PDB file of N, CA and C in Angstrom:
ATOM      1  N   MET A   1      78.804  68.985 161.770  1.00  0.00           N
ATOM      2  CA  MET A   1      79.399  68.296 160.491  1.00  0.00           C
ATOM      3  C   MET A   1      80.742  67.776 160.862  1.00  0.00           C
ATOM      4  N   THR A   2      80.812  66.791 160.306  1.00  0.00           N
ATOM      5  CA  THR A   2      82.284  66.005 160.417  1.00  0.00           C
ATOM      6  C   THR A   2      83.223  67.038 159.069  1.00  0.00           C
ATOM      7  N   GLN A   3      84.772  66.320 159.524  1.00  0.00           N
ATOM      8  CA  GLN A   3      85.422  66.929 159.094  1.00  0.00           C
ATOM      9  C   GLN A   3      85.692  66.355 157.810  1.00  0.00           C
ATOM     10  N   LEU A   4      85.181  65.169 157.513  1.00  0.00           N
ATOM     11  CA  LEU A   4      85.357  64.479 156.245  1.00  0.00           C
ATOM     12  C   LEU A   4      84.016  64.886 155.621  1.00  0.00           C
ATOM     13  N   GLU A   5      82.937  65.411 156.056  1.00  0.00           N
ATOM     14  CA  GLU A   5      82.097  65.882 155.048  1.00  0.00           C
ATOM     15  C   GLU A   5      82.109  67.145 154.786  1.00  0.00           C
ATOM     16  N   MET A   6      82.857  68.193 155.647  1.00  0.00           N
ATOM     17  CA  MET A   6      83.235  69.387 155.504  1.00  0.00           C
ATOM     18  C   MET A   6      84.268  69.538 154.314  1.00  0.00           C
ATOM     19  N   PHE A   7      85.308  68.347 153.964  1.00  0.00           N
ATOM     20  CA  PHE A   7      86.239  68.386 153.232  1.00  0.00           C
ATOM     21  C   PHE A   7      85.338  67.917 151.551  1.00  0.00           C
ATOM     22  N   ALA A   8      84.489  67.095 151.560  1.00  0.00           N
ATOM     23  CA  ALA A   8      83.646  66.833 150.138  1.00  0.00           C
ATOM     24  C   ALA A   8      83.123  68.120 150.251  1.00  0.00           C
ATOM     25  N   LEU A   9      82.415  68.726 150.619  1.00  0.00           N
ATOM     26  CA  LEU A   9      81.543  70.207 150.205  1.00  0.00           C
ATOM     27  C   LEU A   9      82.846  70.713 149.529  1.00  0.00           C
ATOM     28  N   ASN A  10      83.930  71.302 150.475  1.00  0.00           N
ATOM     29  CA  ASN A  10      84.691  72.123 149.783  1.00  0.00           C
ATOM     30  C   ASN A  10      85.357  71.525 148.698  1.00  0.00           C
ATOM     31  N   MET A  11      85.574  70.190 148.404  1.00  0.00           N
ATOM     32  CA  MET A  11      85.736  69.845 146.931  1.00  0.00           C
ATOM     33  C   MET A  11      85.001  70.144 145.785  1.00  0.00           C
ATOM     34  N   ARG A  12      83.638  69.646 146.205  1.00  0.00           N
ATOM     35  CA  ARG A  12      82.124  69.984 145.492  1.00  0.00           C
ATOM     36  C   ARG A  12      82.764  71.366 144.889  1.00  0.00           C
ATOM     37  N   LEU A  13      82.876  72.369 145.888  1.00  0.00           N
ATOM     38  CA  LEU A  13      82.738  73.829 145.494  1.00  0.00           C
ATOM     39  C   LEU A  13      83.699  74.102 144.521  1.00  0.00           C
ATOM     40  N   LEU A  14      85.118  73.563 145.293  1.00  0.00           N
ATOM     41  CA  LEU A  14      86.348  73.948 144.160  1.00  0.00           C
ATOM     42  C   LEU A  14      86.351  73.288 142.899  1.00  0.00           C
ATOM     43  N   ILE A  15      85.489  72.299 142.673  1.00  0.00           N
ATOM     44  CA  ILE A  15      85.367  71.667 141.217  1.00  0.00           C
ATOM     45  C   ILE A  15      84.178  72.468 140.631  1.00  0.00           C
ATOM     46  N   GLY A  16      83.691  72.628 141.516  1.00  0.00           N
ATOM     47  CA  GLY A  16      82.093  73.644 141.026  1.00  0.00           C
ATOM     48  C   GLY A  16      83.283  75.058 140.011  1.00  0.00           C
ATOM     49  N   ILE A  17      83.656  75.348 140.514  1.00  0.00           N
ATOM     50  CA  ILE A  17      84.634  77.032 140.165  1.00  0.00           C
ATOM     51  C   ILE A  17      85.647  76.554 139.644  1.00  0.00           C
ATOM     52  N   LEU A  18      86.145  75.616 139.360  1.00  0.00           N
ATOM     53  CA  LEU A  18      86.786  75.123 138.154  1.00  0.00           C
ATOM     54  C   LEU A  18      86.343  74.867 137.175  1.00  0.00           C
ATOM     55  N   VAL A  19      85.390  74.415 137.033  1.00  0.00           N
ATOM     56  CA  VAL A  19      84.439  74.306 135.744  1.00  0.00           C
ATOM     57  C   VAL A  19      83.863  75.291 135.456  1.00  0.00           C
ATOM     58  N   PHE A  20      83.470  76.158 136.175  1.00  0.00           N
ATOM     59  CA  PHE A  20      83.006  77.582 135.787  1.00  0.00           C
ATOM     60  C   PHE A  20      84.014  78.452 135.393  1.00  0.00           C
ATOM     61  N   LEU A  21      85.267  78.412 135.534  1.00  0.00           N
ATOM     62  CA  LEU A  21      86.464  79.337 135.181  1.00  0.00           C
ATOM     63  C   LEU A  21      86.846  78.710 133.773  1.00  0.00           C
ATOM     64  N   ALA A  22      86.868  77.708 133.303  1.00  0.00           N
ATOM     65  CA  ALA A  22      87.040  76.586 132.604  1.00  0.00           C
ATOM     66  C   ALA A  22      86.158  76.922 131.161  1.00  0.00           C
ATOM     67  N   LEU A  23      84.695  77.089 131.773  1.00  0.00           N
ATOM     68  CA  LEU A  23      83.444  77.334 130.569  1.00  0.00           C
ATOM     69  C   LEU A  23      84.121  78.816 130.445  1.00  0.00           C
ATOM     70  N   VAL A  24      84.180  79.855 131.336  1.00  0.00           N
ATOM     71  CA  VAL A  24      84.636  81.271 131.225  1.00  0.00           C
ATOM     72  C   VAL A  24      85.552  81.337 130.540  1.00  0.00           C
ATOM     73  N   PHE A  25      86.920  80.572 130.352  1.00  0.00           N
ATOM     74  CA  PHE A  25      87.539  80.697 129.735  1.00  0.00           C
ATOM     75  C   PHE A  25      87.686  79.986 128.131  1.00  0.00           C
ATOM     76  N   GLY A  26      87.031  79.187 127.839  1.00  0.00           N
ATOM     77  CA  GLY A  26      86.237  78.625 126.571  1.00  0.00           C
ATOM     78  C   GLY A  26      85.506  79.957 125.959  1.00  0.00           C
ATOM     79  N   LEU A  27      84.605  80.307 126.433  1.00  0.00           N
ATOM     80  CA  LEU A  27      83.908  81.144 126.354  1.00  0.00           C
ATOM     81  C   LEU A  27      84.721  82.522 125.438  1.00  0.00           C
ATOM     82  N   LEU A  28      85.595  83.096 126.387  1.00  0.00           N
ATOM     83  CA  LEU A  28      86.421  84.250 126.006  1.00  0.00           C
ATOM     84  C   LEU A  28      87.511  84.222 124.926  1.00  0.00           C
ATOM     85  N   PHE A  29      87.741  82.770 124.787  1.00  0.00           N
ATOM     86  CA  PHE A  29      88.530  82.054 123.901  1.00  0.00           C
ATOM     87  C   PHE A  29      88.112  82.144 122.423  1.00  0.00           C
ATOM     88  N   ALA A  30      86.911  81.661 122.523  1.00  0.00           N
ATOM     89  CA  ALA A  30      85.814  81.276 121.342  1.00  0.00           C
ATOM     90  C   ALA A  30      85.585  82.924 120.596  1.00  0.00           C
ATOM     91  N   ALA A  31      85.235  83.766 121.797  1.00  0.00           N
ATOM     92  CA  ALA A  31      84.657  85.365 120.999  1.00  0.00           C
ATOM     93  C   ALA A  31      85.989  85.840 120.672  1.00  0.00           C
ATOM     94  N   TRP A  32      86.978  85.547 121.030  1.00  0.00           N
ATOM     95  CA  TRP A  32      88.318  86.544 121.008  1.00  0.00           C
ATOM     96  C   TRP A  32      88.729  86.014 119.353  1.00  0.00           C
ATOM     97  N   THR A  33      88.451  84.405 119.514  1.00  0.00           N
ATOM     98  CA  THR A  33      88.685  84.154 118.049  1.00  0.00           C
ATOM     99  C   THR A  33      87.899  84.645 116.710  1.00  0.00           C
ATOM    100  N   ALA A  34      86.687  84.355 117.205  1.00  0.00           N
ATOM    101  CA  ALA A  34      85.270  84.992 116.172  1.00  0.00           C
ATOM    102  C   ALA A  34      85.892  86.490 115.839  1.00  0.00           C
ATOM    103  N   LEU A  35      86.558  87.289 116.993  1.00  0.00           N
ATOM    104  CA  LEU A  35      86.655  88.716 116.754  1.00  0.00           C
ATOM    105  C   LEU A  35      87.713  88.884 115.473  1.00  0.00           C
ATOM    106  N   LYS A  36      88.359  87.937 115.647  1.00  0.00           N
ATOM    107  CA  LYS A  36      89.624  87.977 114.936  1.00  0.00           C
ATOM    108  C   LYS A  36      89.430  87.461 113.378  1.00  0.00           C
ATOM    109  N   MET A  37      88.415  86.399 113.425  1.00  0.00           N
ATOM    110  CA  MET A  37      87.797  85.586 112.087  1.00  0.00           C
ATOM    111  C   MET A  37      87.385  87.281 111.299  1.00  0.00           C
ATOM    112  N   TRP A  38      86.651  87.482 112.411  1.00  0.00           N
ATOM    113  CA  TRP A  38      85.507  88.925 111.755  1.00  0.00           C
ATOM    114  C   TRP A  38      86.579  89.873 111.065  1.00  0.00           C
ATOM    115  N   LYS A  39      87.325  90.346 111.954  1.00  0.00           N
ATOM    116  CA  LYS A  39      88.556  91.161 111.601  1.00  0.00           C
ATOM    117  C   LYS A  39      89.410  91.203 110.263  1.00  0.00           C
ATOM    118  N   PHE A  40      89.796  90.037 110.062  1.00  0.00           N
ATOM    119  CA  PHE A  40      90.368  89.146 109.259  1.00  0.00           C
ATOM    120  C   PHE A  40      89.708  89.463 107.752  1.00  0.00           C
ATOM    121  N   HIS A  41      88.466  88.625 108.021  1.00  0.00           N
ATOM    122  CA  HIS A  41      87.546  89.122 106.969  1.00  0.00           C
ATOM    123  C   HIS A  41      86.906  90.197 106.431  1.00  0.00           C
ATOM    124  N   VAL A  42      87.132  91.194 106.950  1.00  0.00           N
ATOM    125  CA  VAL A  42      86.868  92.549 106.740  1.00  0.00           C
ATOM    126  C   VAL A  42      88.041  93.244 105.950  1.00  0.00           C
ATOM    127  N   GLN A  43      89.573  92.908 106.612  1.00  0.00           N
ATOM    128  CA  GLN A  43      90.621  93.557 105.533  1.00  0.00           C
ATOM    129  C   GLN A  43      90.694  92.884 104.590  1.00  0.00           C
ATOM    130  N   ARG A  44      90.465  91.792 104.681  1.00  0.00           N
ATOM    131  CA  ARG A  44      90.472  90.620 103.132  1.00  0.00           C
ATOM    132  C   ARG A  44      89.627  91.382 101.993  1.00  0.00           C
ATOM    133  N   ARG A  45      88.326  92.028 102.437  1.00  0.00           N
ATOM    134  CA  ARG A  45      87.416  92.338 101.525  1.00  0.00           C
ATOM    135  C   ARG A  45      88.315  93.653 100.914  1.00  0.00           C
ATOM    136  N   ARG A  46      88.564  94.871 102.121  1.00  0.00           N
ATOM    137  CA  ARG A  46      89.228  95.974 101.985  1.00  0.00           C
ATOM    138  C   ARG A  46      89.894  95.705 100.502  1.00  0.00           C
ATOM    139  N   ALA A  47      91.428  94.931 101.131  1.00  0.00           N
ATOM    140  CA  ALA A  47      92.052  94.604 100.219  1.00  0.00           C
ATOM    141  C   ALA A  47      91.642  94.170  98.759  1.00  0.00           C
ATOM    142  N   GLU A  48      90.910  93.204  98.747  1.00  0.00           N
ATOM    143  CA  GLU A  48      90.694  93.076  97.245  1.00  0.00           C
ATOM    144  C   GLU A  48      89.874  93.885  96.588  1.00  0.00           C
ATOM    145  N   ALA A  49      88.978  94.952  97.543  1.00  0.00           N
ATOM    146  CA  ALA A  49      88.362  96.016  96.788  1.00  0.00           C
ATOM    147  C   ALA A  49      89.697  97.118  96.039  1.00  0.00           C
ATOM    148  N   GLU A  50      90.765  97.080  97.065  1.00  0.00           N
ATOM    149  CA  GLU A  50      91.761  98.011  96.401  1.00  0.00           C
ATOM    150  C   GLU A  50      92.537  97.677  95.038  1.00  0.00           C
ATOM    151  N   VAL A  51      92.899  96.293  95.403  1.00  0.00           N
ATOM    152  CA  VAL A  51      93.204  95.584  93.987  1.00  0.00           C
ATOM    153  C   VAL A  51      92.249  95.501  93.066  1.00  0.00           C
ATOM    154  N   ARG A  52      91.379  95.400  93.095  1.00  0.00           N
ATOM    155  CA  ARG A  52      90.074  96.011  91.883  1.00  0.00           C
ATOM    156  C   ARG A  52      90.174  96.888  91.356  1.00  0.00           C
ATOM    157  N   ALA A  53      90.264  97.963  92.131  1.00  0.00           N
ATOM    158  CA  ALA A  53      90.006  99.339  91.800  1.00  0.00           C
ATOM    159  C   ALA A  53      91.464  99.470  91.222  1.00  0.00           C
ATOM    160  N   ARG A  54      92.557  99.208  91.282  1.00  0.00           N
ATOM    161  CA  ARG A  54      93.839  99.019  90.414  1.00  0.00           C
ATOM    162  C   ARG A  54      93.775  98.344  89.470  1.00  0.00           C
ATOM    163  N   LYS A  55      93.036  97.347  89.118  1.00  0.00           N
ATOM    164  CA  LYS A  55      93.166  96.955  87.848  1.00  0.00           C
ATOM    165  C   LYS A  55      91.663  96.954  86.744  1.00  0.00           C
ATOM    166  N   TYR A  56      90.637  97.471  87.536  1.00  0.00           N
ATOM    167  CA  TYR A  56      89.434  97.893  86.728  1.00  0.00           C
ATOM    168  C   TYR A  56      89.026  99.175  86.575  1.00  0.00           C
ATOM    169  N   ARG A  57      88.697  99.642  85.626  1.00  0.00           N
ATOM    170  CA  ARG A  57      88.067 101.353  85.896  1.00  0.00           C
ATOM    171  C   ARG A  57      86.510 101.024  86.676  1.00  0.00           C
ATOM    172  N   PRO A  58      86.126 102.244  86.903  1.00  0.00           N
ATOM    173  CA  PRO A  58      85.136 102.039  87.489  1.00  0.00           C
ATOM    174  C   PRO A  58      83.867 101.945  86.290  1.00  0.00           C
ATOM    175  N   ASP A  59      83.994 101.812  85.344  1.00  0.00           N
ATOM    176  CA  ASP A  59      82.766 101.118  84.534  1.00  0.00           C
ATOM    177  C   ASP A  59      83.027  99.610  84.230  1.00  0.00           C
ATOM    178  N   GLY A  60      83.977  99.286  84.744  1.00  0.00           N
ATOM    179  CA  GLY A  60      84.085  97.621  85.242  1.00  0.00           C
ATOM    180  C   GLY A  60      85.186  96.796  84.073  1.00  0.00           C
ATOM    181  N   ARG A  61      85.509  97.635  82.858  1.00  0.00           N
ATOM    182  CA  ARG A  61      86.469  97.320  82.169  1.00  0.00           C
ATOM    183  C   ARG A  61      87.801  97.423  82.603  1.00  0.00           C
ATOM    184  N   PRO A  62      88.694  96.419  82.174  1.00  0.00           N
ATOM    185  CA  PRO A  62      89.903  96.257  83.128  1.00  0.00           C
ATOM    186  C   PRO A  62      90.848  96.880  82.495  1.00  0.00           C
ATOM    187  N   TYR A  63      91.770  97.808  82.855  1.00  0.00           N
ATOM    188  CA  TYR A  63      93.239  98.573  82.309  1.00  0.00           C
ATOM    189  C   TYR A  63      93.885  97.706  81.655  1.00  0.00           C
ATOM    190  N   PRO A  64      95.134  98.100  81.041  1.00  0.00           N
ATOM    191  CA  PRO A  64      95.806  97.748  80.037  1.00  0.00           C
ATOM    192  C   PRO A  64      97.110  97.299  80.996  1.00  0.00           C
ATOM    193  N   PRO A  65      97.893  96.159  80.546  1.00  0.00           N
ATOM    194  CA  PRO A  65      98.780  95.888  81.700  1.00  0.00           C
ATOM    195  C   PRO A  65      99.834  96.655  82.022  1.00  0.00           C
ATOM    196  N   VAL A  66     100.304  96.623  83.391  1.00  0.00           N
ATOM    197  CA  VAL A  66     101.142  97.955  84.024  1.00  0.00           C
ATOM    198  C   VAL A  66     102.605  97.399  84.254  1.00  0.00           C
ATOM    199  N   ALA A  67     103.802  98.200  84.079  1.00  0.00           N
ATOM    200  CA  ALA A  67     104.727  97.885  84.654  1.00  0.00           C
ATOM    201  C   ALA A  67     105.412  99.186  84.798  1.00  0.00           C
ATOM    202  N   ALA A  68     106.450  99.515  85.347  1.00  0.00           N
ATOM    203  CA  ALA A  68     107.498 100.340  85.822  1.00  0.00           C
ATOM    204  C   ALA A  68     107.899 100.549  84.171  1.00  0.00           C
ATOM    205  N   GLY A  69     107.884 102.671  84.088  1.00  0.00           N
ATOM    206  CA  GLY A  69     108.606 102.922  83.020  1.00  0.00           C
ATOM    207  C   GLY A  69     108.459 104.208  83.176  1.00  0.00           C
ATOM    208  N   ILE A  70     108.788 104.819  81.459  1.00  0.00           N
ATOM    209  CA  ILE A  70     108.731 106.313  81.502  1.00  0.00           C
ATOM    210  C   ILE A  70     107.746 106.397  80.356  1.00  0.00           C
ATOM    211  N   CYS A  71     106.439 107.547  81.132  1.00  0.00           N
ATOM    212  CA  CYS A  71     105.639 107.732  79.923  1.00  0.00           C
ATOM    213  C   CYS A  71     106.234 108.678  79.065  1.00  0.00           C
ATOM    214  N   GLU A  72     105.368 108.294  77.800  1.00  0.00           N
ATOM    215  CA  GLU A  72     105.758 108.734  76.275  1.00  0.00           C
ATOM    216  C   GLU A  72     105.192 110.076  76.457  1.00  0.00           C
ATOM    217  N   GLN A  73     104.100 110.459  77.245  1.00  0.00           N
ATOM    218  CA  GLN A  73     103.353 111.641  76.626  1.00  0.00           C
ATOM    219  C   GLN A  73     104.068 113.068  77.639  1.00  0.00           C
ATOM    220  N   CYS A  74     104.391 112.543  78.654  1.00  0.00           N
ATOM    221  CA  CYS A  74     104.734 113.894  79.569  1.00  0.00           C
ATOM    222  C   CYS A  74     106.132 113.341  80.298  1.00  0.00           C
ATOM    223  N   GLY A  75     106.969 112.148  79.642  1.00  0.00           N
ATOM    224  CA  GLY A  75     108.292 111.822  80.184  1.00  0.00           C
ATOM    225  C   GLY A  75     108.675 111.701  81.090  1.00  0.00           C
ATOM    226  N   GLY A  76     107.652 111.703  82.463  1.00  0.00           N
ATOM    227  CA  GLY A  76     108.020 111.196  83.721  1.00  0.00           C
ATOM    228  C   GLY A  76     108.062 109.432  83.655  1.00  0.00           C
ATOM    229  N   THR A  77     108.716 109.470  84.935  1.00  0.00           N
ATOM    230  CA  THR A  77     109.020 107.984  85.572  1.00  0.00           C
ATOM    231  C   THR A  77     108.107 107.613  86.360  1.00  0.00           C
ATOM    232  N   PHE A  78     107.356 106.538  86.340  1.00  0.00           N
ATOM    233  CA  PHE A  78     106.553 105.968  87.342  1.00  0.00           C
ATOM    234  C   PHE A  78     107.055 104.467  87.567  1.00  0.00           C
ATOM    235  N   ALA A  79     105.925 104.187  88.733  1.00  0.00           N
ATOM    236  CA  ALA A  79     106.376 102.978  89.154  1.00  0.00           C
ATOM    237  C   ALA A  79     104.919 101.841  88.200  1.00  0.00           C
ATOM    238  N   GLU A  80     103.921 102.960  87.831  1.00  0.00           N
ATOM    239  CA  GLU A  80     102.807 102.193  87.107  1.00  0.00           C
ATOM    240  C   GLU A  80     102.813 102.818  85.881  1.00  0.00           C
ATOM    241  N   VAL A  81     103.104 102.403  84.477  1.00  0.00           N
ATOM    242  CA  VAL A  81     102.581 102.899  83.440  1.00  0.00           C
ATOM    243  C   VAL A  81     101.931 102.075  82.750  1.00  0.00           C
ATOM    244  N   PHE A  82     100.909 102.090  81.934  1.00  0.00           N
ATOM    245  CA  PHE A  82     100.128 101.459  80.936  1.00  0.00           C
ATOM    246  C   PHE A  82     101.097 101.035  79.725  1.00  0.00           C
ATOM    247  N   HIS A  83     101.041 100.278  79.159  1.00  0.00           N
ATOM    248  CA  HIS A  83     101.429  99.367  77.977  1.00  0.00           C
ATOM    249  C   HIS A  83     100.134  99.383  77.026  1.00  0.00           C
ATOM    250  N   LEU A  84      99.995 100.494  76.456  1.00  0.00           N
ATOM    251  CA  LEU A  84      98.632  99.761  75.435  1.00  0.00           C
ATOM    252  C   LEU A  84      98.917  99.263  74.244  1.00  0.00           C
ATOM    253  N   PRO A  85      97.862  98.769  73.549  1.00  0.00           N
ATOM    254  CA  PRO A  85      97.878  97.493  72.746  1.00  0.00           C
ATOM    255  C   PRO A  85      98.759  98.267  71.115  1.00  0.00           C
ATOM    256  N   ASN A  86      98.543  99.403  71.075  1.00  0.00           N
ATOM    257  CA  ASN A  86      99.297 100.212  70.251  1.00  0.00           C
ATOM    258  C   ASN A  86     100.734 100.277  70.524  1.00  0.00           C
ATOM    259  N   GLY A  87     101.415  99.753  71.452  1.00  0.00           N
ATOM    260  CA  GLY A  87     102.886  99.840  71.459  1.00  0.00           C
ATOM    261  C   GLY A  87     103.187 101.372  72.601  1.00  0.00           C
ATOM    262  N   THR A  88     102.397 102.265  72.574  1.00  0.00           N
ATOM    263  CA  THR A  88     102.475 103.304  73.591  1.00  0.00           C
ATOM    264  C   THR A  88     102.629 103.135  75.116  1.00  0.00           C
ATOM    265  N   ARG A  89     102.944 103.861  75.841  1.00  0.00           N
ATOM    266  CA  ARG A  89     103.128 103.901  77.159  1.00  0.00           C
ATOM    267  C   ARG A  89     102.632 104.891  78.018  1.00  0.00           C
ATOM    268  N   ARG A  90     101.777 105.109  78.811  1.00  0.00           N
ATOM    269  CA  ARG A  90     101.053 106.295  79.721  1.00  0.00           C
ATOM    270  C   ARG A  90     100.777 106.000  81.008  1.00  0.00           C
ATOM    271  N   CYS A  91     101.255 107.056  81.521  1.00  0.00           N
ATOM    272  CA  CYS A  91     101.015 107.145  83.109  1.00  0.00           C
ATOM    273  C   CYS A  91      99.606 107.148  83.299  1.00  0.00           C
ATOM    274  N   ARG A  92      99.393 106.982  84.520  1.00  0.00           N
ATOM    275  CA  ARG A  92      97.840 106.894  84.639  1.00  0.00           C
ATOM    276  C   ARG A  92      97.061 108.141  84.428  1.00  0.00           C
ATOM    277  N   ARG A  93      97.663 109.717  84.831  1.00  0.00           N
ATOM    278  CA  ARG A  93      97.176 110.707  84.290  1.00  0.00           C
ATOM    279  C   ARG A  93      96.774 110.915  83.274  1.00  0.00           C
ATOM    280  N   CYS A  94      98.167 110.731  82.328  1.00  0.00           N
ATOM    281  CA  CYS A  94      97.760 110.758  80.672  1.00  0.00           C
ATOM    282  C   CYS A  94      96.862 109.610  80.469  1.00  0.00           C
ATOM    283  N   TYR A  95      96.878 108.805  80.812  1.00  0.00           N
ATOM    284  CA  TYR A  95      95.924 107.712  80.227  1.00  0.00           C
ATOM    285  C   TYR A  95      94.722 108.005  80.335  1.00  0.00           C
ATOM    286  N   GLU A  96      94.216 108.535  81.750  1.00  0.00           N
ATOM    287  CA  GLU A  96      92.970 109.218  81.884  1.00  0.00           C
ATOM    288  C   GLU A  96      92.294 110.198  81.290  1.00  0.00           C
ATOM    289  N   LYS A  97      93.570 111.287  81.012  1.00  0.00           N
ATOM    290  CA  LYS A  97      93.333 112.369  80.419  1.00  0.00           C
ATOM    291  C   LYS A  97      93.070 111.888  78.733  1.00  0.00           C
ATOM    292  N   ASP A  98      94.058 110.878  78.645  1.00  0.00           N
ATOM    293  CA  ASP A  98      93.451 110.513  76.682  1.00  0.00           C
ATOM    294  C   ASP A  98      91.934 109.969  76.687  1.00  0.00           C
ATOM    295  N   GLU A  99      91.729 109.212  77.803  1.00  0.00           N
ATOM    296  CA  GLU A  99      90.310 108.008  78.021  1.00  0.00           C
ATOM    297  C   GLU A  99      89.427 108.976  78.025  1.00  0.00           C
ATOM    298  N   GLY A 100      89.019 110.115  78.837  1.00  0.00           N
ATOM    299  CA  GLY A 100      88.281 110.989  79.293  1.00  0.00           C
ATOM    300  C   GLY A 100      87.715 112.168  78.582  1.00  0.00           C
TER     301      GLY A 100
END
């Protein structure tokens, strides 16, 4: 085998290895991206479930509007106080006690 033939074989081998490595890198990148997309989807669904749990009762009815304030029944200061249609304000504990 001449040096030119050896060079051609080595170049083919080198190009083959580079193509193989590029394909492996592409597959790893695609797998990594798919994993991150799945993780984002799971986190988004959890966050939506948390928001829904804060806004809706277990039976599906919505809670009244919420703002920070003082509960008129127990006198405590809370970050979430329900402002009821009749004008009263209740914390979550007092509201659930009155409703239940």
